[in-house]
Amino acid sequence: MVRKRFDGKRLFVLDTNVLMHDPTALFKFAEHDIYLPMVVLEELDAGKKGMSEVARNARQVSRYLDELMNGASSDEIAEGIPLHNSTLVNEELSRNGRIFFQIREHQDSLPTSLPGSKVDNTILNIALRLKEKKSR
């Protein structure tokens, strides 16, 4: 299989587990954008309780997100918040990346054989919808 080289900006949809195991993953996509589905934010919120490393990481992600969103208007949030705004990040590492949050419900794009109520399937559905939207 030959991989096609892509030099443009990409959009990465992050899963909860990525952030719960590495809170700094928010800042590791350099010039690319990241998208956080609402279910990921809900799972992070639910995972903050306790003293485990995963719970501490979920709390750290929340602190990073709070810092990024500090003072942002609803229009700025809708346009994507620049990741380089964070004092926690070397600007060279996140030059032009932005973070986007799910602010609208997405229509189902998954086959009917996959239940939409499972979180992973919801995240897959969102990724498919974003891909379809970009292809237009």
C-alpha atoms as a PDB file:
ATOM      1  CA  MET A   1       0.000   0.000   0.000  1.00  0.00           C
ATOM      2  CA  VAL A   2       1.360   3.400  -0.966  1.00  0.00           C
ATOM      3  CA  ARG A   3       0.688   6.188   1.494  1.00  0.00           C
ATOM      4  CA  LYS A   4      -0.282   9.510   0.014  1.00  0.00           C
ATOM      5  CA  ARG A   5       1.781  12.384   1.396  1.00  0.00           C
ATOM      6  CA  PHE A   6      -0.282  15.168   2.948  1.00  0.00           C
ATOM      7  CA  ASP A   7       1.350  18.509   3.664  1.00  0.00           C
ATOM      8  CA  GLY A   8      -1.710  20.507   4.703  1.00  0.00           C
ATOM      9  CA  LYS A   9      -3.383  21.149   8.017  1.00  0.00           C
ATOM     10  CA  ARG A  10      -5.261  18.201   9.507  1.00  0.00           C
ATOM     11  CA  LEU A  11      -8.065  17.950  12.017  1.00  0.00           C
ATOM     12  CA  PHE A  12      -7.628  15.330  14.744  1.00  0.00           C
ATOM     13  CA  VAL A  13     -10.648  14.156  16.738  1.00  0.00           C
ATOM     14  CA  LEU A  14      -9.363  13.192  20.169  1.00  0.00           C
ATOM     15  CA  ASP A  15     -10.734  10.339  22.220  1.00  0.00           C
ATOM     16  CA  THR A  16     -11.041  10.532  26.001  1.00  0.00           C
ATOM     17  CA  ASN A  17      -8.372   7.877  26.568  1.00  0.00           C
ATOM     18  CA  VAL A  18      -5.761   9.913  24.707  1.00  0.00           C
ATOM     19  CA  LEU A  19      -6.236  12.829  27.095  1.00  0.00           C
ATOM     20  CA  MET A  20      -6.642  10.725  30.242  1.00  0.00           C
ATOM     21  CA  HIS A  21      -3.301   9.058  29.620  1.00  0.00           C
ATOM     22  CA  ASP A  22      -1.451  12.146  28.356  1.00  0.00           C
ATOM     23  CA  PRO A  23      -2.974  15.519  29.278  1.00  0.00           C
ATOM     24  CA  THR A  24      -0.329  17.307  27.197  1.00  0.00           C
ATOM     25  CA  ALA A  25      -1.651  15.586  24.064  1.00  0.00           C
ATOM     26  CA  LEU A  26      -3.679  18.764  23.529  1.00  0.00           C
ATOM     27  CA  PHE A  27      -0.447  20.488  22.580  1.00  0.00           C
ATOM     28  CA  LYS A  28       1.284  17.766  20.552  1.00  0.00           C
ATOM     29  CA  PHE A  29      -0.335  18.336  17.183  1.00  0.00           C
ATOM     30  CA  ALA A  30       1.904  21.231  16.094  1.00  0.00           C
ATOM     31  CA  GLU A  31       0.282  23.131  13.233  1.00  0.00           C
ATOM     32  CA  HIS A  32      -2.763  20.862  13.092  1.00  0.00           C
ATOM     33  CA  ASP A  33      -6.181  21.414  14.646  1.00  0.00           C
ATOM     34  CA  ILE A  34      -7.885  19.251  17.243  1.00  0.00           C
ATOM     35  CA  TYR A  35     -11.577  18.686  17.849  1.00  0.00           C
ATOM     36  CA  LEU A  36     -13.119  17.620  21.141  1.00  0.00           C
ATOM     37  CA  PRO A  37     -16.563  16.005  20.949  1.00  0.00           C
ATOM     38  CA  MET A  38     -18.966  16.780  23.790  1.00  0.00           C
ATOM     39  CA  VAL A  39     -18.939  13.124  24.916  1.00  0.00           C
ATOM     40  CA  VAL A  40     -15.177  13.383  25.460  1.00  0.00           C
ATOM     41  CA  LEU A  41     -15.652  16.429  27.682  1.00  0.00           C
ATOM     42  CA  GLU A  42     -18.386  14.595  29.605  1.00  0.00           C
ATOM     43  CA  GLU A  43     -16.203  11.516  30.090  1.00  0.00           C
ATOM     44  CA  LEU A  44     -13.289  13.685  31.254  1.00  0.00           C
ATOM     45  CA  ASP A  45     -15.562  15.381  33.753  1.00  0.00           C
ATOM     46  CA  ALA A  46     -16.789  12.035  35.063  1.00  0.00           C
ATOM     47  CA  GLY A  47     -13.218  10.730  35.268  1.00  0.00           C
ATOM     48  CA  LYS A  48     -11.904  13.526  37.506  1.00  0.00           C
ATOM     49  CA  LYS A  49     -13.015  11.885  40.745  1.00  0.00           C
ATOM     50  CA  GLY A  50     -10.509   9.934  42.771  1.00  0.00           C
ATOM     51  CA  MET A  51      -6.791   9.869  43.374  1.00  0.00           C
ATOM     52  CA  SER A  52      -5.650   7.623  40.515  1.00  0.00           C
ATOM     53  CA  GLU A  53      -3.209   8.857  37.892  1.00  0.00           C
ATOM     54  CA  VAL A  54      -5.986   8.807  35.301  1.00  0.00           C
ATOM     55  CA  ALA A  55      -8.196  11.003  37.537  1.00  0.00           C
ATOM     56  CA  ARG A  56      -5.309  13.424  38.086  1.00  0.00           C
ATOM     57  CA  ASN A  57      -4.738  13.544  34.324  1.00  0.00           C
ATOM     58  CA  ALA A  58      -8.423  14.279  33.697  1.00  0.00           C
ATOM     59  CA  ARG A  59      -8.217  17.179  36.163  1.00  0.00           C
ATOM     60  CA  GLN A  60      -5.067  18.441  34.425  1.00  0.00           C
ATOM     61  CA  VAL A  61      -6.804  18.403  31.036  1.00  0.00           C
ATOM     62  CA  SER A  62      -9.603  20.470  32.585  1.00  0.00           C
ATOM     63  CA  ARG A  63      -7.069  22.999  33.861  1.00  0.00           C
ATOM     64  CA  TYR A  64      -5.454  23.221  30.411  1.00  0.00           C
ATOM     65  CA  LEU A  65      -8.849  23.723  28.775  1.00  0.00           C
ATOM     66  CA  ASP A  66      -9.794  26.375  31.338  1.00  0.00           C
ATOM     67  CA  GLU A  67      -6.583  28.264  30.596  1.00  0.00           C
ATOM     68  CA  LEU A  68      -7.107  28.067  26.849  1.00  0.00           C
ATOM     69  CA  MET A  69     -10.695  29.294  27.125  1.00  0.00           C
ATOM     70  CA  ASN A  70      -9.990  31.985  29.695  1.00  0.00           C
ATOM     71  CA  GLY A  71     -11.492  35.221  28.364  1.00  0.00           C
ATOM     72  CA  ALA A  72     -12.572  33.698  25.036  1.00  0.00           C
ATOM     73  CA  SER A  73     -15.883  34.896  23.637  1.00  0.00           C
ATOM     74  CA  SER A  74     -18.456  32.472  22.258  1.00  0.00           C
ATOM     75  CA  ASP A  75     -17.519  33.628  18.734  1.00  0.00           C
ATOM     76  CA  GLU A  76     -13.840  32.892  19.406  1.00  0.00           C
ATOM     77  CA  ILE A  77     -14.737  29.452  20.744  1.00  0.00           C
ATOM     78  CA  ALA A  78     -16.816  28.742  17.621  1.00  0.00           C
ATOM     79  CA  GLU A  79     -13.890  29.820  15.386  1.00  0.00           C
ATOM     80  CA  GLY A  80     -11.441  27.627  17.295  1.00  0.00           C
ATOM     81  CA  ILE A  81      -9.109  28.726  20.047  1.00  0.00           C
ATOM     82  CA  PRO A  82      -5.431  29.014  19.092  1.00  0.00           C
ATOM     83  CA  LEU A  83      -3.382  26.463  20.983  1.00  0.00           C
ATOM     84  CA  HIS A  84      -0.396  28.793  21.106  1.00  0.00           C
ATOM     85  CA  ASN A  85      -2.346  31.068  23.493  1.00  0.00           C
ATOM     86  CA  SER A  86      -1.394  28.796  26.371  1.00  0.00           C
ATOM     87  CA  THR A  87       1.514  29.805  28.581  1.00  0.00           C
ATOM     88  CA  LEU A  88       2.033  26.073  29.141  1.00  0.00           C
ATOM     89  CA  VAL A  89       3.181  25.416  25.615  1.00  0.00           C
ATOM     90  CA  ASN A  90       6.285  26.211  23.680  1.00  0.00           C
ATOM     91  CA  GLU A  91       4.854  28.285  20.798  1.00  0.00           C
ATOM     92  CA  GLU A  92       7.154  26.536  18.368  1.00  0.00           C
ATOM     93  CA  LEU A  93       5.376  23.248  19.130  1.00  0.00           C
ATOM     94  CA  SER A  94       1.859  24.506  18.399  1.00  0.00           C
ATOM     95  CA  ARG A  95       2.421  27.143  15.764  1.00  0.00           C
ATOM     96  CA  ASN A  96      -0.959  27.399  14.072  1.00  0.00           C
ATOM     97  CA  GLY A  97      -3.029  24.706  15.721  1.00  0.00           C
ATOM     98  CA  ARG A  98      -6.502  25.447  17.038  1.00  0.00           C
ATOM     99  CA  ILE A  99      -8.830  23.567  19.340  1.00  0.00           C
ATOM    100  CA  PHE A 100     -12.467  23.183  18.374  1.00  0.00           C
ATOM    101  CA  PHE A 101     -15.277  22.018  20.619  1.00  0.00           C
ATOM    102  CA  GLN A 102     -18.472  20.335  19.530  1.00  0.00           C
ATOM    103  CA  ILE A 103     -21.107  23.030  19.837  1.00  0.00           C
ATOM    104  CA  ARG A 104     -23.764  21.446  17.609  1.00  0.00           C
ATOM    105  CA  GLU A 105     -25.288  18.010  17.411  1.00  0.00           C
ATOM    106  CA  HIS A 106     -24.185  15.916  14.430  1.00  0.00           C
ATOM    107  CA  GLN A 107     -26.528  13.793  12.366  1.00  0.00           C
ATOM    108  CA  ASP A 108     -25.873  10.066  12.306  1.00  0.00           C
ATOM    109  CA  SER A 109     -23.493   8.838   9.603  1.00  0.00           C
ATOM    110  CA  LEU A 110     -22.793   5.394  11.011  1.00  0.00           C
ATOM    111  CA  PRO A 111     -24.341   2.215   9.677  1.00  0.00           C
ATOM    112  CA  THR A 112     -27.527   1.294  11.515  1.00  0.00           C
ATOM    113  CA  SER A 113     -25.820  -1.881  12.754  1.00  0.00           C
ATOM    114  CA  LEU A 114     -23.678   0.235  15.123  1.00  0.00           C
ATOM    115  CA  PRO A 115     -25.510   1.559  18.168  1.00  0.00           C
ATOM    116  CA  GLY A 116     -25.295   5.343  18.426  1.00  0.00           C
ATOM    117  CA  SER A 117     -25.486   5.292  22.208  1.00  0.00           C
ATOM    118  CA  LYS A 118     -21.952   3.931  22.660  1.00  0.00           C
ATOM    119  CA  VAL A 119     -19.401   6.698  23.243  1.00  0.00           C
ATOM    120  CA  ASP A 120     -16.821   5.322  20.799  1.00  0.00           C
ATOM    121  CA  ASN A 121     -19.468   5.069  18.085  1.00  0.00           C
ATOM    122  CA  THR A 122     -20.533   8.641  18.801  1.00  0.00           C
ATOM    123  CA  ILE A 123     -16.926   9.802  18.370  1.00  0.00           C
ATOM    124  CA  LEU A 124     -16.625   7.819  15.116  1.00  0.00           C
ATOM    125  CA  ASN A 125     -19.867   9.382  13.902  1.00  0.00           C
ATOM    126  CA  ILE A 126     -18.541  12.869  14.615  1.00  0.00           C
ATOM    127  CA  ALA A 127     -15.279  12.106  12.810  1.00  0.00           C
ATOM    128  CA  LEU A 128     -17.226  10.875   9.766  1.00  0.00           C
ATOM    129  CA  ARG A 129     -19.445  13.963   9.767  1.00  0.00           C
ATOM    130  CA  LEU A 130     -16.418  16.264   9.975  1.00  0.00           C
ATOM    131  CA  LYS A 131     -14.786  14.398   7.078  1.00  0.00           C
ATOM    132  CA  GLU A 132     -17.970  14.694   5.000  1.00  0.00           C
ATOM    133  CA  LYS A 133     -18.227  18.403   5.800  1.00  0.00           C
ATOM    134  CA  LYS A 134     -14.599  19.013   4.772  1.00  0.00           C
ATOM    135  CA  SER A 135     -15.092  17.071   1.511  1.00  0.00           C
ATOM    136  CA  ARG A 136     -17.869  19.400   0.373  1.00  0.00           C
END
